[in-house]
Amino acid sequence: QVLLVESGGGLVQAGGSLRLSCTASGLTFSRNTMGWFRQTPGKEREFLAAISWRGGHIDLADSAKGRFTISRDNAKNTVYLQIYSLKPDDTAVYYCQADPDPRPDQIRLKAGAYKYWGQGTQVTVSS
């Protein structure tokens, strides 16, 4: 059974930082391309960042550039999303997603392209 567990969310003041973690089990993590998305009620899931197997290929949404970074530690089966200078508009549920791919440099930009996803972690930014 594949399990993705996000953590690190919470209530934070505007201007603060958070590091979200997503730990995977039940899959060969190092052979999965990973992504972070977020969603607010009534809106579609928004792409934030994606990273290939070994981190050689990274893509960030325009809305994430400058404040978000994605990284992974294959030894720990974990992918991270670091967020700086948080804004109230960053309030959302943040999800990590995984998709196995035989090609080491592939990433996915659309939520529907991933096979697995976690339950999400709530991030609330107060003004």
Foldseek 3Di string as FASTA:
>chain_A
DKAKDKDFADEEAAQAKTKIKIAIPDDQLLQKKKFKWWDDPPDDIAGAKIAFNQRPEIDGDPVNPPFWDWDDDSVRRMIMIMGGRDDQVVFTWMKMFIAGDPDRHDIDRDPVVGDDMHPTDTHGYHD
